[in-house]
PDB file of N, CA and C in Angstrom:
ATOM      1  N   MET A   1       1.465 133.812 111.837  1.00  0.00           N
ATOM      2  CA  MET A   1       1.601 132.840 112.895  1.00  0.00           C
ATOM      3  C   MET A   1       1.383 133.529 114.230  1.00  0.00           C
ATOM      4  N   LYS A   2       0.800 132.810 115.125  1.00  0.00           N
ATOM      5  CA  LYS A   2       0.464 133.357 116.425  1.00  0.00           C
ATOM      6  C   LYS A   2       1.534 132.977 117.458  1.00  0.00           C
ATOM      7  N   TYR A   3       1.880 133.954 118.301  1.00  0.00           N
ATOM      8  CA  TYR A   3       2.886 133.737 119.338  1.00  0.00           C
ATOM      9  C   TYR A   3       2.212 133.275 120.623  1.00  0.00           C
ATOM     10  N   PHE A   4       2.734 132.210 121.218  1.00  0.00           N
ATOM     11  CA  PHE A   4       2.239 131.696 122.484  1.00  0.00           C
ATOM     12  C   PHE A   4       3.291 131.985 123.550  1.00  0.00           C
ATOM     13  N   LYS A   5       2.965 132.905 124.474  1.00  0.00           N
ATOM     14  CA  LYS A   5       3.935 133.391 125.459  1.00  0.00           C
ATOM     15  C   LYS A   5       4.447 132.287 126.373  1.00  0.00           C
ATOM     16  N   ARG A   6       3.549 131.498 126.933  1.00  0.00           N
ATOM     17  CA  ARG A   6       3.971 130.479 127.901  1.00  0.00           C
ATOM     18  C   ARG A   6       4.890 129.436 127.284  1.00  0.00           C
ATOM     19  N   ALA A   7       4.582 129.029 126.076  1.00  0.00           N
ATOM     20  CA  ALA A   7       5.407 128.024 125.404  1.00  0.00           C
ATOM     21  C   ALA A   7       6.595 128.652 124.688  1.00  0.00           C
ATOM     22  N   ASN A   8       6.548 129.967 124.477  1.00  0.00           N
ATOM     23  CA  ASN A   8       7.577 130.712 123.747  1.00  0.00           C
ATOM     24  C   ASN A   8       7.806 130.132 122.351  1.00  0.00           C
ATOM     25  N   ILE A   9       6.693 129.909 121.635  1.00  0.00           N
ATOM     26  CA  ILE A   9       6.763 129.432 120.247  1.00  0.00           C
ATOM     27  C   ILE A   9       5.697 130.123 119.417  1.00  0.00           C
ATOM     28  N   TYR A  10       5.912 130.077 118.114  1.00  0.00           N
ATOM     29  CA  TYR A  10       4.924 130.539 117.161  1.00  0.00           C
ATOM     30  C   TYR A  10       4.276 129.312 116.513  1.00  0.00           C
ATOM     31  N   LYS A  11       2.956 129.389 116.313  1.00  0.00           N
ATOM     32  CA  LYS A  11       2.241 128.313 115.630  1.00  0.00           C
ATOM     33  C   LYS A  11       1.293 128.920 114.612  1.00  0.00           C
ATOM     34  N   ASN A  12       1.047 128.166 113.540  1.00  0.00           N
ATOM     35  CA  ASN A  12       0.045 128.627 112.595  1.00  0.00           C
ATOM     36  C   ASN A  12      -1.340 128.281 113.149  1.00  0.00           C
ATOM     37  N   TYR A  13      -2.389 128.600 112.402  1.00  0.00           N
ATOM     38  CA  TYR A  13      -3.748 128.431 112.908  1.00  0.00           C
ATOM     39  C   TYR A  13      -4.081 126.981 113.264  1.00  0.00           C
ATOM     40  N   SER A  14      -3.504 126.001 112.567  1.00  0.00           N
ATOM     41  CA  SER A  14      -3.802 124.598 112.846  1.00  0.00           C
ATOM     42  C   SER A  14      -2.773 123.946 113.769  1.00  0.00           C
ATOM     43  N   GLY A  15      -1.676 124.630 114.029  1.00  0.00           N
ATOM     44  CA  GLY A  15      -0.633 124.092 114.893  1.00  0.00           C
ATOM     45  C   GLY A  15       0.317 123.154 114.187  1.00  0.00           C
ATOM     46  N   ASP A  16       0.221 123.067 112.853  1.00  0.00           N
ATOM     47  CA  ASP A  16       1.085 122.170 112.087  1.00  0.00           C
ATOM     48  C   ASP A  16       2.438 122.789 111.758  1.00  0.00           C
ATOM     49  N   ALA A  17       2.530 124.092 111.780  1.00  0.00           N
ATOM     50  CA  ALA A  17       3.802 124.781 111.549  1.00  0.00           C
ATOM     51  C   ALA A  17       4.213 125.443 112.862  1.00  0.00           C
ATOM     52  N   ILE A  18       5.441 125.163 113.277  1.00  0.00           N
ATOM     53  CA  ILE A  18       5.931 125.665 114.562  1.00  0.00           C
ATOM     54  C   ILE A  18       7.293 126.316 114.354  1.00  0.00           C
ATOM     55  N   TYR A  19       7.495 127.454 115.041  1.00  0.00           N
ATOM     56  CA  TYR A  19       8.792 128.126 115.016  1.00  0.00           C
ATOM     57  C   TYR A  19       9.199 128.448 116.446  1.00  0.00           C
ATOM     58  N   HIS A  20      10.404 128.025 116.833  1.00  0.00           N
ATOM     59  CA  HIS A  20      10.968 128.290 118.160  1.00  0.00           C
ATOM     60  C   HIS A  20      11.941 129.472 118.035  1.00  0.00           C
ATOM     61  N   PRO A  21      11.586 130.650 118.547  1.00  0.00           N
ATOM     62  CA  PRO A  21      12.463 131.818 118.376  1.00  0.00           C
ATOM     63  C   PRO A  21      13.796 131.720 119.114  1.00  0.00           C
ATOM     64  N   GLU A  22      13.856 130.987 120.230  1.00  0.00           N
ATOM     65  CA  GLU A  22      15.119 130.874 120.978  1.00  0.00           C
ATOM     66  C   GLU A  22      16.141 130.035 120.223  1.00  0.00           C
ATOM     67  N   THR A  23      15.709 128.884 119.711  1.00  0.00           N
ATOM     68  CA  THR A  23      16.626 127.990 119.003  1.00  0.00           C
ATOM     69  C   THR A  23      16.676 128.287 117.506  1.00  0.00           C
ATOM     70  N   LYS A  24      15.757 129.119 117.038  1.00  0.00           N
ATOM     71  CA  LYS A  24      15.631 129.467 115.613  1.00  0.00           C
ATOM     72  C   LYS A  24      15.422 128.217 114.755  1.00  0.00           C
ATOM     73  N   GLU A  25      14.565 127.328 115.239  1.00  0.00           N
ATOM     74  CA  GLU A  25      14.207 126.130 114.495  1.00  0.00           C
ATOM     75  C   GLU A  25      12.737 126.199 114.121  1.00  0.00           C
ATOM     76  N   GLY A  26      12.447 125.800 112.888  1.00  0.00           N
ATOM     77  CA  GLY A  26      11.079 125.763 112.425  1.00  0.00           C
ATOM     78  C   GLY A  26      10.748 124.389 111.876  1.00  0.00           C
ATOM     79  N   PHE A  27       9.532 123.932 112.146  1.00  0.00           N
ATOM     80  CA  PHE A  27       9.118 122.597 111.718  1.00  0.00           C
ATOM     81  C   PHE A  27       7.749 122.652 111.058  1.00  0.00           C
ATOM     82  N   SER A  28       7.582 121.787 110.077  1.00  0.00           N
ATOM     83  CA  SER A  28       6.296 121.569 109.447  1.00  0.00           C
ATOM     84  C   SER A  28       5.849 120.171 109.843  1.00  0.00           C
ATOM     85  N   TYR A  29       4.642 120.072 110.336  1.00  0.00           N
ATOM     86  CA  TYR A  29       4.094 118.794 110.814  1.00  0.00           C
ATOM     87  C   TYR A  29       4.974 118.160 111.894  1.00  0.00           C
ATOM     88  N   HIS A  30       5.626 118.958 112.684  1.00  0.00           N
ATOM     89  CA  HIS A  30       6.393 118.554 113.876  1.00  0.00           C
ATOM     90  C   HIS A  30       7.600 117.666 113.590  1.00  0.00           C
ATOM     91  N   TRP A  31       7.909 117.345 112.337  1.00  0.00           N
ATOM     92  CA  TRP A  31       9.079 116.497 112.074  1.00  0.00           C
ATOM     93  C   TRP A  31       9.929 117.024 110.929  1.00  0.00           C
ATOM     94  N   TRP A  32       9.333 117.692 109.956  1.00  0.00           N
ATOM     95  CA  TRP A  32      10.071 118.133 108.775  1.00  0.00           C
ATOM     96  C   TRP A  32      10.671 119.496 109.077  1.00  0.00           C
ATOM     97  N   GLN A  33      12.002 119.541 109.270  1.00  0.00           N
ATOM     98  CA  GLN A  33      12.664 120.778 109.682  1.00  0.00           C
ATOM     99  C   GLN A  33      12.799 121.729 108.509  1.00  0.00           C
ATOM    100  N   VAL A  34      12.262 122.917 108.699  1.00  0.00           N
ATOM    101  CA  VAL A  34      12.265 123.957 107.667  1.00  0.00           C
ATOM    102  C   VAL A  34      13.482 124.860 107.807  1.00  0.00           C
ATOM    103  N   CYS A  35      13.882 125.152 109.031  1.00  0.00           N
ATOM    104  CA  CYS A  35      15.020 126.046 109.237  1.00  0.00           C
ATOM    105  C   CYS A  35      15.723 125.710 110.542  1.00  0.00           C
ATOM    106  N   GLY A  36      16.948 126.195 110.636  1.00  0.00           N
ATOM    107  CA  GLY A  36      17.728 125.982 111.852  1.00  0.00           C
ATOM    108  C   GLY A  36      19.065 126.689 111.761  1.00  0.00           C
ATOM    109  N   VAL A  37      19.800 126.660 112.850  1.00  0.00           N
ATOM    110  CA  VAL A  37      21.136 127.254 112.902  1.00  0.00           C
ATOM    111  C   VAL A  37      22.131 126.121 113.097  1.00  0.00           C
ATOM    112  N   PHE A  38      23.087 126.026 112.176  1.00  0.00           N
ATOM    113  CA  PHE A  38      24.111 124.987 112.220  1.00  0.00           C
ATOM    114  C   PHE A  38      25.475 125.666 112.152  1.00  0.00           C
ATOM    115  N   LYS A  39      26.270 125.470 113.194  1.00  0.00           N
ATOM    116  CA  LYS A  39      27.602 126.076 113.295  1.00  0.00           C
ATOM    117  C   LYS A  39      27.562 127.582 113.010  1.00  0.00           C
ATOM    118  N   GLY A  40      26.547 128.238 113.542  1.00  0.00           N
ATOM    119  CA  GLY A  40      26.422 129.689 113.397  1.00  0.00           C
ATOM    120  C   GLY A  40      25.812 130.158 112.096  1.00  0.00           C
ATOM    121  N   LYS A  41      25.485 129.245 111.185  1.00  0.00           N
ATOM    122  CA  LYS A  41      24.873 129.621 109.905  1.00  0.00           C
ATOM    123  C   LYS A  41      23.381 129.377 109.955  1.00  0.00           C
ATOM    124  N   LYS A  42      22.622 130.370 109.493  1.00  0.00           N
ATOM    125  CA  LYS A  42      21.175 130.227 109.420  1.00  0.00           C
ATOM    126  C   LYS A  42      20.836 129.516 108.102  1.00  0.00           C
ATOM    127  N   VAL A  43      20.287 128.304 108.220  1.00  0.00           N
ATOM    128  CA  VAL A  43      20.020 127.467 107.062  1.00  0.00           C
ATOM    129  C   VAL A  43      18.512 127.325 106.891  1.00  0.00           C
ATOM    130  N   PHE A  44      18.052 127.466 105.639  1.00  0.00           N
ATOM    131  CA  PHE A  44      16.624 127.353 105.334  1.00  0.00           C
ATOM    132  C   PHE A  44      16.410 126.303 104.252  1.00  0.00           C
ATOM    133  N   ASN A  45      15.417 125.460 104.462  1.00  0.00           N
ATOM    134  CA  ASN A  45      15.080 124.384 103.534  1.00  0.00           C
ATOM    135  C   ASN A  45      14.094 124.898 102.491  1.00  0.00           C
ATOM    136  N   THR A  46      14.476 124.884 101.216  1.00  0.00           N
ATOM    137  CA  THR A  46      13.616 125.386 100.145  1.00  0.00           C
ATOM    138  C   THR A  46      13.008 124.272  99.304  1.00  0.00           C
ATOM    139  N   TYR A  47      13.143 123.030  99.752  1.00  0.00           N
ATOM    140  CA  TYR A  47      12.616 121.897  98.980  1.00  0.00           C
ATOM    141  C   TYR A  47      11.095 121.969  98.927  1.00  0.00           C
ATOM    142  N   TYR A  48      10.540 121.777  97.724  1.00  0.00           N
ATOM    143  CA  TYR A  48       9.098 121.781  97.533  1.00  0.00           C
ATOM    144  C   TYR A  48       8.569 120.394  97.873  1.00  0.00           C
ATOM    145  N   TYR A  49       7.914 120.270  99.016  1.00  0.00           N
ATOM    146  CA  TYR A  49       7.412 118.976  99.491  1.00  0.00           C
ATOM    147  C   TYR A  49       5.929 118.831  99.174  1.00  0.00           C
ATOM    148  N   SER A  50       5.141 119.857  99.477  1.00  0.00           N
ATOM    149  CA  SER A  50       3.714 119.872  99.158  1.00  0.00           C
ATOM    150  C   SER A  50       3.224 121.313  99.242  1.00  0.00           C
ATOM    151  N   ASN A  51       2.006 121.545  98.802  1.00  0.00           N
ATOM    152  CA  ASN A  51       1.444 122.893  98.872  1.00  0.00           C
ATOM    153  C   ASN A  51       1.366 123.391 100.313  1.00  0.00           C
ATOM    154  N   THR A  52       1.006 122.504 101.211  1.00  0.00           N
ATOM    155  CA  THR A  52       0.871 122.893 102.614  1.00  0.00           C
ATOM    156  C   THR A  52       2.219 123.247 103.219  1.00  0.00           C
ATOM    157  N   THR A  53       3.233 122.447 102.942  1.00  0.00           N
ATOM    158  CA  THR A  53       4.545 122.757 103.517  1.00  0.00           C
ATOM    159  C   THR A  53       5.119 124.035 102.919  1.00  0.00           C
ATOM    160  N   VAL A  54       4.787 124.350 101.688  1.00  0.00           N
ATOM    161  CA  VAL A  54       5.228 125.621 101.100  1.00  0.00           C
ATOM    162  C   VAL A  54       4.609 126.783 101.879  1.00  0.00           C
ATOM    163  N   LYS A  55       3.350 126.646 102.267  1.00  0.00           N
ATOM    164  CA  LYS A  55       2.711 127.679 103.088  1.00  0.00           C
ATOM    165  C   LYS A  55       3.399 127.778 104.445  1.00  0.00           C
ATOM    166  N   HIS A  56       3.740 126.622 105.030  1.00  0.00           N
ATOM    167  CA  HIS A  56       4.452 126.622 106.306  1.00  0.00           C
ATOM    168  C   HIS A  56       5.820 127.295 106.156  1.00  0.00           C
ATOM    169  N   GLN A  57       6.527 126.965 105.065  1.00  0.00           N
ATOM    170  CA  GLN A  57       7.838 127.568 104.818  1.00  0.00           C
ATOM    171  C   GLN A  57       7.720 129.085 104.726  1.00  0.00           C
ATOM    172  N   SER A  58       6.717 129.548 104.034  1.00  0.00           N
ATOM    173  CA  SER A  58       6.533 130.985 103.859  1.00  0.00           C
ATOM    174  C   SER A  58       6.290 131.683 105.198  1.00  0.00           C
ATOM    175  N   ALA A  59       5.440 131.101 106.013  1.00  0.00           N
ATOM    176  CA  ALA A  59       5.129 131.700 107.314  1.00  0.00           C
ATOM    177  C   ALA A  59       6.358 131.696 108.220  1.00  0.00           C
ATOM    178  N   ILE A  60       7.095 130.596 108.213  1.00  0.00           N
ATOM    179  CA  ILE A  60       8.281 130.488 109.066  1.00  0.00           C
ATOM    180  C   ILE A  60       9.392 131.396 108.553  1.00  0.00           C
ATOM    181  N   ARG A  61       9.508 131.530 107.245  1.00  0.00           N
ATOM    182  CA  ARG A  61      10.551 132.384 106.640  1.00  0.00           C
ATOM    183  C   ARG A  61      10.398 133.827 107.098  1.00  0.00           C
ATOM    184  N   ALA A  62       9.159 134.280 107.224  1.00  0.00           N
ATOM    185  CA  ALA A  62       8.915 135.654 107.667  1.00  0.00           C
ATOM    186  C   ALA A  62       9.444 135.866 109.089  1.00  0.00           C
ATOM    187  N   LEU A  63       9.374 134.843 109.924  1.00  0.00           N
ATOM    188  CA  LEU A  63       9.868 134.958 111.297  1.00  0.00           C
ATOM    189  C   LEU A  63      11.370 134.722 111.394  1.00  0.00           C
ATOM    190  N   PHE A  64      11.894 133.864 110.543  1.00  0.00           N
ATOM    191  CA  PHE A  64      13.301 133.452 110.589  1.00  0.00           C
ATOM    192  C   PHE A  64      14.245 134.586 110.206  1.00  0.00           C
ATOM    193  N   GLY A  65      13.835 135.416 109.282  1.00  0.00           N
ATOM    194  CA  GLY A  65      14.665 136.544 108.870  1.00  0.00           C
ATOM    195  C   GLY A  65      15.661 136.181 107.786  1.00  0.00           C
ATOM    196  N   SER A  66      16.807 136.857 107.799  1.00  0.00           N
ATOM    197  CA  SER A  66      17.808 136.649 106.760  1.00  0.00           C
ATOM    198  C   SER A  66      18.399 135.241 106.867  1.00  0.00           C
ATOM    199  N   VAL A  67      18.844 134.735 105.713  1.00  0.00           N
ATOM    200  CA  VAL A  67      19.330 133.361 105.622  1.00  0.00           C
ATOM    201  C   VAL A  67      20.758 133.366 105.085  1.00  0.00           C
ATOM    202  N   ASP A  68      21.629 132.527 105.662  1.00  0.00           N
ATOM    203  CA  ASP A  68      22.996 132.385 105.175  1.00  0.00           C
ATOM    204  C   ASP A  68      23.093 131.339 104.077  1.00  0.00           C
ATOM    205  N   LEU A  69      22.271 130.302 104.158  1.00  0.00           N
ATOM    206  CA  LEU A  69      22.350 129.195 103.212  1.00  0.00           C
ATOM    207  C   LEU A  69      20.963 128.624 102.955  1.00  0.00           C
ATOM    208  N   GLU A  70      20.594 128.527 101.675  1.00  0.00           N
ATOM    209  CA  GLU A  70      19.350 127.867 101.282  1.00  0.00           C
ATOM    210  C   GLU A  70      19.694 126.500 100.735  1.00  0.00           C
ATOM    211  N   VAL A  71      18.988 125.481 101.211  1.00  0.00           N
ATOM    212  CA  VAL A  71      19.280 124.099 100.861  1.00  0.00           C
ATOM    213  C   VAL A  71      17.984 123.396 100.480  1.00  0.00           C
ATOM    214  N   LYS A  72      18.069 122.503  99.509  1.00  0.00           N
ATOM    215  CA  LYS A  72      16.939 121.630  99.189  1.00  0.00           C
ATOM    216  C   LYS A  72      17.150 120.335  99.964  1.00  0.00           C
ATOM    217  N   ALA A  73      16.325 120.124 100.986  1.00  0.00           N
ATOM    218  CA  ALA A  73      16.463 118.955 101.846  1.00  0.00           C
ATOM    219  C   ALA A  73      15.161 118.166 101.845  1.00  0.00           C
ATOM    220  N   PRO A  74      15.078 117.113 101.021  1.00  0.00           N
ATOM    221  CA  PRO A  74      13.820 116.379 100.898  1.00  0.00           C
ATOM    222  C   PRO A  74      13.331 115.747 102.197  1.00  0.00           C
ATOM    223  N   LYS A  75      14.233 115.343 103.056  1.00  0.00           N
ATOM    224  CA  LYS A  75      13.829 114.699 104.307  1.00  0.00           C
ATOM    225  C   LYS A  75      13.984 115.622 105.507  1.00  0.00           C
ATOM    226  N   GLY A  76      14.108 116.924 105.260  1.00  0.00           N
ATOM    227  CA  GLY A  76      14.299 117.879 106.337  1.00  0.00           C
ATOM    228  C   GLY A  76      15.778 118.094 106.608  1.00  0.00           C
ATOM    229  N   LEU A  77      16.082 119.087 107.402  1.00  0.00           N
ATOM    230  CA  LEU A  77      17.471 119.451 107.663  1.00  0.00           C
ATOM    231  C   LEU A  77      18.181 118.506 108.612  1.00  0.00           C
ATOM    232  N   LYS A  78      17.457 117.655 109.306  1.00  0.00           N
ATOM    233  CA  LYS A  78      18.082 116.720 110.249  1.00  0.00           C
ATOM    234  C   LYS A  78      18.877 115.631 109.535  1.00  0.00           C
ATOM    235  N   ASP A  79      18.444 115.217 108.340  1.00  0.00           N
ATOM    236  CA  ASP A  79      19.107 114.142 107.603  1.00  0.00           C
ATOM    237  C   ASP A  79      20.072 114.748 106.588  1.00  0.00           C
ATOM    238  N   LYS A  80      21.280 115.044 107.027  1.00  0.00           N
ATOM    239  CA  LYS A  80      22.261 115.726 106.174  1.00  0.00           C
ATOM    240  C   LYS A  80      22.805 114.829 105.073  1.00  0.00           C
ATOM    241  N   ALA A  81      22.860 113.534 105.310  1.00  0.00           N
ATOM    242  CA  ALA A  81      23.313 112.599 104.269  1.00  0.00           C
ATOM    243  C   ALA A  81      22.328 112.592 103.101  1.00  0.00           C
ATOM    244  N   ALA A  82      21.046 112.726 103.393  1.00  0.00           N
ATOM    245  CA  ALA A  82      20.037 112.770 102.330  1.00  0.00           C
ATOM    246  C   ALA A  82      20.170 114.048 101.497  1.00  0.00           C
ATOM    247  N   ILE A  83      20.580 115.138 102.133  1.00  0.00           N
ATOM    248  CA  ILE A  83      20.792 116.393 101.404  1.00  0.00           C
ATOM    249  C   ILE A  83      21.929 116.215 100.400  1.00  0.00           C
ATOM    250  N   ILE A  84      23.016 115.619 100.851  1.00  0.00           N
ATOM    251  CA  ILE A  84      24.175 115.407  99.975  1.00  0.00           C
ATOM    252  C   ILE A  84      23.803 114.478  98.823  1.00  0.00           C
ATOM    253  N   ARG A  85      23.100 113.383  99.134  1.00  0.00           N
ATOM    254  CA  ARG A  85      22.656 112.460  98.069  1.00  0.00           C
ATOM    255  C   ARG A  85      21.760 113.151  97.061  1.00  0.00           C
ATOM    256  N   PHE A  86      20.871 114.026  97.560  1.00  0.00           N
ATOM    257  CA  PHE A  86      19.958 114.743  96.676  1.00  0.00           C
ATOM    258  C   PHE A  86      20.728 115.587  95.658  1.00  0.00           C
ATOM    259  N   TYR A  87      21.713 116.352  96.136  1.00  0.00           N
ATOM    260  CA  TYR A  87      22.474 117.216  95.229  1.00  0.00           C
ATOM    261  C   TYR A  87      23.351 116.408  94.273  1.00  0.00           C
ATOM    262  N   ILE A  88      23.930 115.319  94.741  1.00  0.00           N
ATOM    263  CA  ILE A  88      24.749 114.469  93.862  1.00  0.00           C
ATOM    264  C   ILE A  88      23.881 113.869  92.764  1.00  0.00           C
ATOM    265  N   ASN A  89      22.700 113.367  93.123  1.00  0.00           N
ATOM    266  CA  ASN A  89      21.798 112.784  92.124  1.00  0.00           C
ATOM    267  C   ASN A  89      21.278 113.830  91.156  1.00  0.00           C
ATOM    268  N   GLU A  90      20.994 115.033  91.653  1.00  0.00           N
ATOM    269  CA  GLU A  90      20.525 116.103  90.768  1.00  0.00           C
ATOM    270  C   GLU A  90      21.607 116.475  89.755  1.00  0.00           C
ATOM    271  N   ASN A  91      22.866 116.539  90.207  1.00  0.00           N
ATOM    272  CA  ASN A  91      23.966 116.846  89.286  1.00  0.00           C
ATOM    273  C   ASN A  91      24.156 115.740  88.250  1.00  0.00           C
ATOM    274  N   LYS A  92      24.019 114.489  88.658  1.00  0.00           N
ATOM    275  CA  LYS A  92      24.114 113.378  87.701  1.00  0.00           C
ATOM    276  C   LYS A  92      23.041 113.489  86.632  1.00  0.00           C
ATOM    277  N   GLN A  93      21.822 113.803  87.062  1.00  0.00           N
ATOM    278  CA  GLN A  93      20.714 113.944  86.118  1.00  0.00           C
ATOM    279  C   GLN A  93      20.951 115.116  85.166  1.00  0.00           C
ATOM    280  N   LEU A  94      21.460 116.230  85.681  1.00  0.00           N
ATOM    281  CA  LEU A  94      21.739 117.383  84.822  1.00  0.00           C
ATOM    282  C   LEU A  94      22.838 117.053  83.809  1.00  0.00           C
ATOM    283  N   ARG A  95      23.881 116.336  84.239  1.00  0.00           N
ATOM    284  CA  ARG A  95      24.952 115.946  83.305  1.00  0.00           C
ATOM    285  C   ARG A  95      24.416 115.015  82.210  1.00  0.00           C
ATOM    286  N   ARG A  96      23.518 114.109  82.604  1.00  0.00           N
ATOM    287  CA  ARG A  96      22.898 113.211  81.617  1.00  0.00           C
ATOM    288  C   ARG A  96      22.121 114.012  80.578  1.00  0.00           C
ATOM    289  N   LEU A  97      21.391 115.023  81.030  1.00  0.00           N
ATOM    290  CA  LEU A  97      20.617 115.851  80.104  1.00  0.00           C
ATOM    291  C   LEU A  97      21.529 116.657  79.181  1.00  0.00           C
ATOM    292  N   ILE A  98      22.642 117.125  79.710  1.00  0.00           N
ATOM    293  CA  ILE A  98      23.588 117.879  78.880  1.00  0.00           C
ATOM    294  C   ILE A  98      24.170 116.992  77.790  1.00  0.00           C
ATOM    295  N   ASN A  99      24.450 115.739  78.122  1.00  0.00           N
ATOM    296  CA  ASN A  99      25.086 114.824  77.173  1.00  0.00           C
ATOM    297  C   ASN A  99      24.123 114.207  76.163  1.00  0.00           C
ATOM    298  N   ARG A 100      22.851 114.458  76.308  1.00  0.00           N
ATOM    299  CA  ARG A 100      21.897 113.922  75.329  1.00  0.00           C
ATOM    300  C   ARG A 100      22.099 114.604  73.986  1.00  0.00           C
ATOM    301  N   PRO A 101      21.911 113.858  72.919  1.00  0.00           N
ATOM    302  CA  PRO A 101      22.065 114.475  71.595  1.00  0.00           C
ATOM    303  C   PRO A 101      20.945 115.481  71.323  1.00  0.00           C
ATOM    304  N   ARG A 102      21.273 116.464  70.531  1.00  0.00           N
ATOM    305  CA  ARG A 102      20.341 117.494  70.068  1.00  0.00           C
ATOM    306  C   ARG A 102      19.712 118.316  71.186  1.00  0.00           C
ATOM    307  N   THR A 103      20.459 118.576  72.259  1.00  0.00           N
ATOM    308  CA  THR A 103      19.949 119.490  73.280  1.00  0.00           C
ATOM    309  C   THR A 103      20.419 120.898  72.946  1.00  0.00           C
ATOM    310  N   HIS A 104      19.620 121.862  73.329  1.00  0.00           N
ATOM    311  CA  HIS A 104      19.926 123.252  73.010  1.00  0.00           C
ATOM    312  C   HIS A 104      21.108 123.758  73.840  1.00  0.00           C
ATOM    313  N   LYS A 105      21.965 124.545  73.183  1.00  0.00           N
ATOM    314  CA  LYS A 105      23.151 125.077  73.851  1.00  0.00           C
ATOM    315  C   LYS A 105      22.790 125.991  75.013  1.00  0.00           C
ATOM    316  N   VAL A 106      21.752 126.812  74.819  1.00  0.00           N
ATOM    317  CA  VAL A 106      21.346 127.743  75.869  1.00  0.00           C
ATOM    318  C   VAL A 106      20.869 126.968  77.098  1.00  0.00           C
ATOM    319  N   LYS A 107      20.073 125.945  76.870  1.00  0.00           N
ATOM    320  CA  LYS A 107      19.571 125.119  77.978  1.00  0.00           C
ATOM    321  C   LYS A 107      20.727 124.401  78.676  1.00  0.00           C
ATOM    322  N   ASN A 108      21.700 123.940  77.907  1.00  0.00           N
ATOM    323  CA  ASN A 108      22.859 123.274  78.507  1.00  0.00           C
ATOM    324  C   ASN A 108      23.693 124.232  79.346  1.00  0.00           C
ATOM    325  N   ARG A 109      23.780 125.501  78.930  1.00  0.00           N
ATOM    326  CA  ARG A 109      24.481 126.498  79.740  1.00  0.00           C
ATOM    327  C   ARG A 109      23.753 126.718  81.064  1.00  0.00           C
ATOM    328  N   GLU A 110      22.420 126.750  81.005  1.00  0.00           N
ATOM    329  CA  GLU A 110      21.629 126.876  82.241  1.00  0.00           C
ATOM    330  C   GLU A 110      21.890 125.687  83.163  1.00  0.00           C
ATOM    331  N   ARG A 111      21.904 124.495  82.580  1.00  0.00           N
ATOM    332  CA  ARG A 111      22.142 123.284  83.362  1.00  0.00           C
ATOM    333  C   ARG A 111      23.546 123.292  83.971  1.00  0.00           C
ATOM    334  N   ALA A 112      24.525 123.763  83.205  1.00  0.00           N
ATOM    335  CA  ALA A 112      25.900 123.850  83.733  1.00  0.00           C
ATOM    336  C   ALA A 112      25.957 124.835  84.895  1.00  0.00           C
ATOM    337  N   GLY A 113      25.221 125.925  84.796  1.00  0.00           N
ATOM    338  CA  GLY A 113      25.147 126.886  85.901  1.00  0.00           C
ATOM    339  C   GLY A 113      24.499 126.281  87.133  1.00  0.00           C
ATOM    340  N   MET A 114      23.470 125.471  86.914  1.00  0.00           N
ATOM    341  CA  MET A 114      22.809 124.796  88.036  1.00  0.00           C
ATOM    342  C   MET A 114      23.765 123.818  88.713  1.00  0.00           C
ATOM    343  N   ILE A 115      24.581 123.132  87.907  1.00  0.00           N
ATOM    344  CA  ILE A 115      25.562 122.200  88.475  1.00  0.00           C
ATOM    345  C   ILE A 115      26.563 122.948  89.340  1.00  0.00           C
ATOM    346  N   LYS A 116      27.027 124.118  88.868  1.00  0.00           N
ATOM    347  CA  LYS A 116      27.977 124.921  89.644  1.00  0.00           C
ATOM    348  C   LYS A 116      27.363 125.384  90.961  1.00  0.00           C
ATOM    349  N   ARG A 117      26.102 125.844  90.898  1.00  0.00           N
ATOM    350  CA  ARG A 117      25.429 126.271  92.127  1.00  0.00           C
ATOM    351  C   ARG A 117      25.258 125.101  93.089  1.00  0.00           C
ATOM    352  N   ASN A 118      24.898 123.936  92.550  1.00  0.00           N
ATOM    353  CA  ASN A 118      24.751 122.753  93.401  1.00  0.00           C
ATOM    354  C   ASN A 118      26.076 122.365  94.047  1.00  0.00           C
ATOM    355  N   GLN A 119      27.172 122.477  93.285  1.00  0.00           N
ATOM    356  CA  GLN A 119      28.493 122.143  93.831  1.00  0.00           C
ATOM    357  C   GLN A 119      28.868 123.087  94.978  1.00  0.00           C
ATOM    358  N   SER A 120      28.606 124.378  94.802  1.00  0.00           N
ATOM    359  CA  SER A 120      28.940 125.326  95.872  1.00  0.00           C
ATOM    360  C   SER A 120      28.053 125.085  97.092  1.00  0.00           C
ATOM    361  N   THR A 121      26.791 124.747  96.880  1.00  0.00           N
ATOM    362  CA  THR A 121      25.908 124.427  97.999  1.00  0.00           C
ATOM    363  C   THR A 121      26.394 123.178  98.710  1.00  0.00           C
ATOM    364  N   LEU A 122      26.829 122.169  97.944  1.00  0.00           N
ATOM    365  CA  LEU A 122      27.360 120.939  98.534  1.00  0.00           C
ATOM    366  C   LEU A 122      28.563 121.228  99.429  1.00  0.00           C
ATOM    367  N   LEU A 123      29.458 122.093  98.960  1.00  0.00           N
ATOM    368  CA  LEU A 123      30.632 122.446  99.767  1.00  0.00           C
ATOM    369  C   LEU A 123      30.199 123.090 101.086  1.00  0.00           C
ATOM    370  N   GLN A 124      29.239 123.992 101.009  1.00  0.00           N
ATOM    371  CA  GLN A 124      28.764 124.665 102.214  1.00  0.00           C
ATOM    372  C   GLN A 124      28.067 123.689 103.148  1.00  0.00           C
ATOM    373  N   VAL A 125      27.279 122.755 102.590  1.00  0.00           N
ATOM    374  CA  VAL A 125      26.585 121.760 103.418  1.00  0.00           C
ATOM    375  C   VAL A 125      27.605 120.887 104.144  1.00  0.00           C
ATOM    376  N   ARG A 126      28.638 120.484 103.449  1.00  0.00           N
ATOM    377  CA  ARG A 126      29.654 119.637 104.080  1.00  0.00           C
ATOM    378  C   ARG A 126      30.387 120.350 105.208  1.00  0.00           C
ATOM    379  N   LYS A 127      30.484 121.686 105.117  1.00  0.00           N
ATOM    380  CA  LYS A 127      31.156 122.453 106.183  1.00  0.00           C
ATOM    381  C   LYS A 127      30.356 122.414 107.483  1.00  0.00           C
ATOM    382  N   TRP A 128      29.017 122.467 107.398  1.00  0.00           N
ATOM    383  CA  TRP A 128      28.247 122.477 108.637  1.00  0.00           C
ATOM    384  C   TRP A 128      27.765 121.094 109.045  1.00  0.00           C
ATOM    385  N   LEU A 129      28.301 120.048 108.431  1.00  0.00           N
ATOM    386  CA  LEU A 129      27.946 118.688 108.853  1.00  0.00           C
ATOM    387  C   LEU A 129      28.637 118.323 110.144  1.00  0.00           C
TER     388      LEU A 129
END
């Protein structure tokens, strides 16, 4: 990403990915928030939206540095209620898969681990709301 001194921002070659070093906010297509600082925590959005946004995430991640919390936010980091709904729905789906007959025990253990990780992420998300 290229640094523009007068604007004090980084932009990719097409200008679709932007990173503001002062506020530590990064955006893809000027609306989908990739990263930001909330209550002192550096939060990064790892949701897979499209191939292009994954490239934007990668470029912004290199500038953003270390991360305190990784979150899957389908509508960007600005819509925190959507983040909570996403994790609740994902946990419901994982529980449904665990309860299906004839599922493998190893796969169910993986799913249970994913539920635990989602629960801990949910707790952290609720703290910075």
